[in-house]
Amino acid sequence: MAGQWLQPRRDATPLAIGNAGSVIRQHRLASGQTQADVAKAMGMTQQHLSQIEHGKCHVSLELRWKFAALLDIPLRTLGLSAH
């Protein structure tokens, strides 16, 4: 199935799915990057990234994939699957 890679993991925990912003923030801080650095690399504003990190807006599956690649976040941690 062509769009299958965008599907959330069936066994993903609600915590992983609902807590993406704080996971992203933790990995960003651990990598030593600023919100401005990550926002620029992601093609978004720093304000949008801040809203994501604080759980004020939804993180699409596409953005989760991009954050995972940029910040080396394990897919499962963001409720994603490589299958």
Protein backbone atom coordinates (compact mmCIF):
# COMPACT_ATOMS: atom_id res chain seq x y z
CA MET A 1 0.00 0.00 0.00
CA ALA A 2 1.53 3.31 -1.11
CA GLY A 3 0.43 5.44 1.86
CA GLN A 4 1.10 2.79 4.46
CA TRP A 5 4.33 4.49 5.59
CA LEU A 6 2.25 7.42 6.88
CA GLN A 7 0.12 5.26 9.15
CA PRO A 8 0.60 5.35 12.93
CA ARG A 9 1.83 2.15 14.51
CA ARG A 10 -0.99 -0.12 15.61
CA ASP A 11 0.93 -0.96 18.77
CA ALA A 12 1.99 2.64 19.46
CA THR A 13 1.12 3.75 22.94
CA PRO A 14 -1.22 6.71 23.43
CA LEU A 15 1.64 8.37 25.31
CA ALA A 16 3.87 8.20 22.22
CA ILE A 17 1.14 9.56 19.99
CA GLY A 18 -0.05 12.34 22.30
CA ASN A 19 3.33 13.35 23.66
CA ALA A 20 5.22 13.99 20.42
CA GLY A 21 5.96 17.62 21.25
CA SER A 22 7.81 16.89 24.47
CA VAL A 23 9.72 14.04 22.81
CA ILE A 24 10.76 16.42 20.02
CA ARG A 25 11.83 19.03 22.57
CA GLN A 26 13.88 16.52 24.58
CA HIS A 27 15.72 15.33 21.48
CA ARG A 28 16.26 18.87 20.22
CA LEU A 29 17.79 19.91 23.54
CA ALA A 30 19.93 16.75 23.68
CA SER A 31 21.26 17.53 20.21
CA GLY A 32 22.25 21.04 21.32
CA GLN A 33 20.13 22.75 18.67
CA THR A 34 18.00 25.81 19.21
CA GLN A 35 14.36 26.09 18.22
CA ALA A 36 15.47 28.47 15.47
CA ASP A 37 17.95 25.89 14.09
CA VAL A 38 15.41 23.08 14.01
CA ALA A 39 12.60 25.28 12.71
CA LYS A 40 14.76 26.45 9.81
CA ALA A 41 15.78 22.88 8.95
CA MET A 42 12.12 21.80 9.09
CA GLY A 43 10.90 24.73 6.98
CA MET A 44 8.67 26.20 9.68
CA THR A 45 8.72 29.18 11.98
CA GLN A 46 10.25 29.07 15.43
CA GLN A 47 6.81 29.98 16.80
CA HIS A 48 5.25 26.92 15.15
CA LEU A 49 7.96 24.66 16.59
CA SER A 50 7.37 26.18 20.03
CA GLN A 51 3.66 25.41 19.75
CA ILE A 52 4.46 21.82 18.76
CA GLU A 53 6.88 21.36 21.65
CA HIS A 54 4.34 22.69 24.13
CA GLY A 55 1.50 20.52 22.81
CA LYS A 56 -0.52 23.45 21.48
CA CYS A 57 -0.84 22.10 17.95
CA HIS A 58 -1.10 18.74 16.25
CA VAL A 59 2.02 17.08 14.85
CA SER A 60 1.12 15.43 11.55
CA LEU A 61 2.55 12.05 10.62
CA GLU A 62 4.60 13.71 7.89
CA LEU A 63 6.16 16.12 10.39
CA ARG A 64 6.85 13.25 12.80
CA TRP A 65 8.85 11.52 10.07
CA LYS A 66 10.82 14.68 9.38
CA PHE A 67 11.52 15.29 13.07
CA ALA A 68 12.60 11.66 13.49
CA ALA A 69 15.10 11.99 10.64
CA LEU A 70 16.44 15.39 11.69
CA LEU A 71 16.79 14.69 15.42
CA ASP A 72 17.51 10.94 15.23
CA ILE A 73 14.36 10.09 17.18
CA PRO A 74 13.40 6.40 17.18
CA LEU A 75 10.27 6.00 15.03
CA ARG A 76 8.38 4.07 17.70
CA THR A 77 8.91 6.95 20.16
CA LEU A 78 6.85 9.15 17.86
CA GLY A 79 4.19 6.50 17.26
CA LEU A 80 5.54 5.59 13.81
CA SER A 81 6.54 2.36 12.12
CA ALA A 82 9.13 1.71 9.42
CA HIS A 83 6.89 -0.99 7.89
